[in-house]
C-alpha atoms as a PDB file:
ATOM      1  CA  MET A   1      -4.573 -60.007  28.242  1.00  0.00           C
ATOM      2  CA  LYS A   2      -1.515 -59.244  30.290  1.00  0.00           C
ATOM      3  CA  ARG A   3       1.135 -57.981  28.009  1.00  0.00           C
ATOM      4  CA  ILE A   4       4.231 -55.946  28.748  1.00  0.00           C
ATOM      5  CA  LYS A   5       5.577 -53.328  26.372  1.00  0.00           C
ATOM      6  CA  GLN A   6       9.296 -53.807  25.775  1.00  0.00           C
ATOM      7  CA  ILE A   7      11.507 -51.210  24.157  1.00  0.00           C
ATOM      8  CA  SER A   8      14.154 -52.329  21.695  1.00  0.00           C
ATOM      9  CA  VAL A   9      16.951 -49.869  21.018  1.00  0.00           C
ATOM     10  CA  PHE A  10      19.284 -50.453  18.061  1.00  0.00           C
ATOM     11  CA  ILE A  11      22.810 -49.268  18.941  1.00  0.00           C
ATOM     12  CA  GLU A  12      26.188 -49.347  17.290  1.00  0.00           C
ATOM     13  CA  ASN A  13      28.555 -51.881  18.828  1.00  0.00           C
ATOM     14  CA  ARG A  14      31.057 -49.416  20.183  1.00  0.00           C
ATOM     15  CA  PRO A  15      32.263 -48.398  23.619  1.00  0.00           C
ATOM     16  CA  GLY A  16      29.956 -46.073  25.457  1.00  0.00           C
ATOM     17  CA  ARG A  17      26.918 -46.348  23.254  1.00  0.00           C
ATOM     18  CA  LEU A  18      24.800 -48.325  25.838  1.00  0.00           C
ATOM     19  CA  LEU A  19      25.984 -45.848  28.423  1.00  0.00           C
ATOM     20  CA  GLU A  20      24.398 -43.021  26.309  1.00  0.00           C
ATOM     21  CA  VAL A  21      21.046 -44.873  26.278  1.00  0.00           C
ATOM     22  CA  VAL A  22      20.960 -45.340  30.022  1.00  0.00           C
ATOM     23  CA  GLU A  23      22.240 -41.831  30.810  1.00  0.00           C
ATOM     24  CA  ILE A  24      19.470 -40.332  28.607  1.00  0.00           C
ATOM     25  CA  LEU A  25      16.848 -42.422  30.374  1.00  0.00           C
ATOM     26  CA  GLY A  26      18.201 -41.583  33.816  1.00  0.00           C
ATOM     27  CA  LYS A  27      18.374 -37.873  33.127  1.00  0.00           C
ATOM     28  CA  ASN A  28      14.733 -38.012  32.128  1.00  0.00           C
ATOM     29  CA  GLY A  29      13.630 -39.822  35.322  1.00  0.00           C
ATOM     30  CA  ILE A  30      13.005 -43.160  33.571  1.00  0.00           C
ATOM     31  CA  ASN A  31      13.807 -46.194  35.667  1.00  0.00           C
ATOM     32  CA  LEU A  32      14.844 -49.468  34.074  1.00  0.00           C
ATOM     33  CA  LYS A  33      13.200 -52.604  35.457  1.00  0.00           C
ATOM     34  CA  ALA A  34      15.058 -55.017  33.107  1.00  0.00           C
ATOM     35  CA  LEU A  35      17.669 -54.841  30.426  1.00  0.00           C
ATOM     36  CA  SER A  36      18.982 -57.473  28.033  1.00  0.00           C
ATOM     37  CA  LEU A  37      21.671 -56.860  25.420  1.00  0.00           C
ATOM     38  CA  ALA A  38      22.293 -58.910  22.285  1.00  0.00           C
ATOM     39  CA  ASP A  39      25.033 -57.957  19.885  1.00  0.00           C
ATOM     40  CA  SER A  40      26.793 -58.742  16.684  1.00  0.00           C
ATOM     41  CA  SER A  41      30.054 -57.322  15.396  1.00  0.00           C
ATOM     42  CA  ASP A  42      28.414 -54.181  14.113  1.00  0.00           C
ATOM     43  CA  PHE A  43      25.319 -53.430  16.188  1.00  0.00           C
ATOM     44  CA  GLY A  44      23.402 -54.431  19.291  1.00  0.00           C
ATOM     45  CA  ILE A  45      19.859 -54.545  20.427  1.00  0.00           C
ATOM     46  CA  ALA A  46      19.159 -53.391  23.980  1.00  0.00           C
ATOM     47  CA  ARG A  47      15.831 -54.698  25.111  1.00  0.00           C
ATOM     48  CA  LEU A  48      14.432 -52.625  27.972  1.00  0.00           C
ATOM     49  CA  ILE A  49      11.482 -52.713  30.315  1.00  0.00           C
ATOM     50  CA  ALA A  50      11.062 -49.287  31.760  1.00  0.00           C
ATOM     51  CA  ASN A  51       8.771 -47.223  33.893  1.00  0.00           C
ATOM     52  CA  GLY A  52       7.288 -44.799  31.410  1.00  0.00           C
ATOM     53  CA  THR A  53       7.539 -46.620  28.076  1.00  0.00           C
ATOM     54  CA  ASP A  54       6.104 -43.837  25.958  1.00  0.00           C
ATOM     55  CA  LYS A  55       8.347 -41.207  27.526  1.00  0.00           C
ATOM     56  CA  ALA A  56      11.386 -43.496  27.136  1.00  0.00           C
ATOM     57  CA  VAL A  57      10.644 -44.041  23.469  1.00  0.00           C
ATOM     58  CA  GLY A  58      10.204 -40.297  22.921  1.00  0.00           C
ATOM     59  CA  VAL A  59      13.470 -39.160  24.500  1.00  0.00           C
ATOM     60  CA  LEU A  60      15.437 -41.931  22.812  1.00  0.00           C
ATOM     61  CA  LYS A  61      14.065 -40.983  19.403  1.00  0.00           C
ATOM     62  CA  GLU A  62      14.735 -37.299  20.120  1.00  0.00           C
ATOM     63  CA  ASN A  63      18.348 -38.267  20.730  1.00  0.00           C
ATOM     64  CA  GLY A  64      18.702 -40.115  17.393  1.00  0.00           C
ATOM     65  CA  PHE A  65      18.168 -43.725  18.426  1.00  0.00           C
ATOM     66  CA  THR A  66      16.185 -46.143  16.410  1.00  0.00           C
ATOM     67  CA  VAL A  67      13.579 -47.576  18.756  1.00  0.00           C
ATOM     68  CA  SER A  68      10.680 -50.088  18.508  1.00  0.00           C
ATOM     69  CA  VAL A  69       8.099 -51.375  21.018  1.00  0.00           C
ATOM     70  CA  THR A  70       7.247 -55.089  21.202  1.00  0.00           C
ATOM     71  CA  ASN A  71       4.590 -56.894  23.152  1.00  0.00           C
ATOM     72  CA  ILE A  72       5.965 -59.608  25.449  1.00  0.00           C
ATOM     73  CA  VAL A  73       4.801 -61.632  28.410  1.00  0.00           C
ATOM     74  CA  ALA A  74       6.393 -61.702  31.839  1.00  0.00           C
ATOM     75  CA  ALA A  75       5.794 -64.674  34.043  1.00  0.00           C
ATOM     76  CA  LEU A  76       6.290 -64.722  37.846  1.00  0.00           C
ATOM     77  CA  ILE A  77       7.687 -68.196  38.433  1.00  0.00           C
ATOM     78  CA  ASP A  78       8.945 -70.228  41.327  1.00  0.00           C
ATOM     79  CA  ASP A  79      12.646 -69.816  41.780  1.00  0.00           C
ATOM     80  CA  LYS A  80      13.563 -73.448  42.148  1.00  0.00           C
ATOM     81  CA  PRO A  81      15.179 -76.141  40.032  1.00  0.00           C
ATOM     82  CA  GLY A  82      13.016 -77.492  37.269  1.00  0.00           C
ATOM     83  CA  THR A  83      10.457 -74.724  37.073  1.00  0.00           C
ATOM     84  CA  LEU A  84      11.846 -73.131  33.887  1.00  0.00           C
ATOM     85  CA  ALA A  85      12.187 -76.575  32.272  1.00  0.00           C
ATOM     86  CA  GLY A  86       8.539 -77.237  32.941  1.00  0.00           C
ATOM     87  CA  ILE A  87       7.501 -73.963  31.240  1.00  0.00           C
ATOM     88  CA  LEU A  88       9.774 -74.567  28.253  1.00  0.00           C
ATOM     89  CA  SER A  89       8.430 -78.092  27.916  1.00  0.00           C
ATOM     90  CA  LEU A  90       4.862 -76.757  27.970  1.00  0.00           C
ATOM     91  CA  LEU A  91       5.712 -74.305  25.188  1.00  0.00           C
ATOM     92  CA  ALA A  92       7.538 -76.885  23.089  1.00  0.00           C
ATOM     93  CA  GLU A  93       4.740 -79.472  23.440  1.00  0.00           C
ATOM     94  CA  ASN A  94       2.290 -76.878  22.136  1.00  0.00           C
ATOM     95  CA  GLY A  95       4.331 -75.741  19.180  1.00  0.00           C
ATOM     96  CA  ILE A  96       5.181 -72.326  20.547  1.00  0.00           C
ATOM     97  CA  ASN A  97       8.577 -71.018  19.521  1.00  0.00           C
ATOM     98  CA  ILE A  98      10.652 -68.863  21.848  1.00  0.00           C
ATOM     99  CA  GLU A  99      12.079 -66.009  19.879  1.00  0.00           C
ATOM    100  CA  TYR A 100      13.996 -64.756  22.893  1.00  0.00           C
ATOM    101  CA  MET A 101      13.779 -64.733  26.661  1.00  0.00           C
ATOM    102  CA  TYR A 102      15.487 -63.283  29.693  1.00  0.00           C
ATOM    103  CA  GLY A 103      14.985 -63.204  33.403  1.00  0.00           C
ATOM    104  CA  PHE A 104      15.432 -61.007  36.375  1.00  0.00           C
ATOM    105  CA  ALA A 105      15.230 -61.325  40.118  1.00  0.00           C
ATOM    106  CA  SER A 106      11.983 -60.598  41.940  1.00  0.00           C
ATOM    107  CA  PRO A 107      11.801 -59.034  45.417  1.00  0.00           C
ATOM    108  CA  ILE A 108       9.087 -61.600  46.159  1.00  0.00           C
ATOM    109  CA  GLU A 109      10.698 -64.374  48.117  1.00  0.00           C
ATOM    110  CA  ASP A 110      11.400 -67.523  46.095  1.00  0.00           C
ATOM    111  CA  LYS A 111      10.114 -65.963  42.829  1.00  0.00           C
ATOM    112  CA  ALA A 112      11.770 -64.870  39.620  1.00  0.00           C
ATOM    113  CA  VAL A 113      10.458 -63.083  36.560  1.00  0.00           C
ATOM    114  CA  MET A 114      10.996 -64.608  33.093  1.00  0.00           C
ATOM    115  CA  VAL A 115      10.289 -62.435  30.055  1.00  0.00           C
ATOM    116  CA  PHE A 116       9.279 -64.209  26.862  1.00  0.00           C
ATOM    117  CA  LYS A 117       8.933 -63.088  23.223  1.00  0.00           C
ATOM    118  CA  LEU A 118       6.948 -65.953  21.787  1.00  0.00           C
ATOM    119  CA  SER A 119       5.618 -66.963  18.289  1.00  0.00           C
ATOM    120  CA  ASP A 120       2.025 -67.082  19.613  1.00  0.00           C
ATOM    121  CA  LEU A 121       1.375 -64.840  22.591  1.00  0.00           C
ATOM    122  CA  ASP A 122      -2.359 -65.576  22.746  1.00  0.00           C
ATOM    123  CA  LYS A 123      -1.898 -69.344  22.793  1.00  0.00           C
ATOM    124  CA  ALA A 124       0.919 -69.107  25.349  1.00  0.00           C
ATOM    125  CA  GLN A 125      -1.152 -66.864  27.596  1.00  0.00           C
ATOM    126  CA  SER A 126      -4.026 -69.373  27.537  1.00  0.00           C
ATOM    127  CA  LEU A 127      -1.649 -72.229  28.361  1.00  0.00           C
ATOM    128  CA  PHE A 128      -0.060 -70.232  31.211  1.00  0.00           C
ATOM    129  CA  ASN A 129      -3.528 -69.457  32.602  1.00  0.00           C
ATOM    130  CA  GLU A 130      -4.514 -73.136  32.406  1.00  0.00           C
ATOM    131  CA  LYS A 131      -1.348 -74.165  34.277  1.00  0.00           C
ATOM    132  CA  GLY A 132      -1.650 -71.425  36.905  1.00  0.00           C
ATOM    133  CA  ILE A 133       1.448 -69.621  35.753  1.00  0.00           C
ATOM    134  CA  GLU A 134       1.061 -65.981  36.822  1.00  0.00           C
ATOM    135  CA  LEU A 135       1.556 -63.358  34.170  1.00  0.00           C
ATOM    136  CA  LEU A 136       2.417 -59.812  35.215  1.00  0.00           C
ATOM    137  CA  SER A 137       0.851 -56.638  33.888  1.00  0.00           C
ATOM    138  CA  GLN A 138       2.766 -53.470  32.990  1.00  0.00           C
ATOM    139  CA  GLU A 139       1.648 -51.950  36.302  1.00  0.00           C
ATOM    140  CA  GLU A 140       2.785 -55.014  38.334  1.00  0.00           C
ATOM    141  CA  ILE A 141       6.237 -54.880  36.642  1.00  0.00           C
ATOM    142  CA  ARG A 142       6.547 -51.188  37.692  1.00  0.00           C
ATOM    143  CA  GLU A 143       5.914 -52.157  41.327  1.00  0.00           C
ATOM    144  CA  ILE A 144       8.615 -54.860  41.345  1.00  0.00           C
END
């Protein structure tokens, strides 16, 4: 099963707090491959895909951050109109809920990466395999 480990960092919603997170990671030689930030009036959740997940978790915890690790899937998809709609339709038709998702550019021409946190990762992975949708491994994400 191709799963990606994503780090979620809970941060206060105040100026400079996200900066602290990325500075700590940078000073420890940890490169971010993707970042998504969701917030409310009081706190935010920074979702990160990083080279060196275990090290990143360790240094963030050492610096007082509340951190969790979640399994997600990352799909390499065609970067053209309608591709994402087709994937979302496949998930909806099969009763798979999208808890959250985000995307990032790929250095592979005409490709993008979509990251999904889904209600049923096993079922989604089987569907993606059946439809020829390529899922990336942790190692493949590091190389992008």
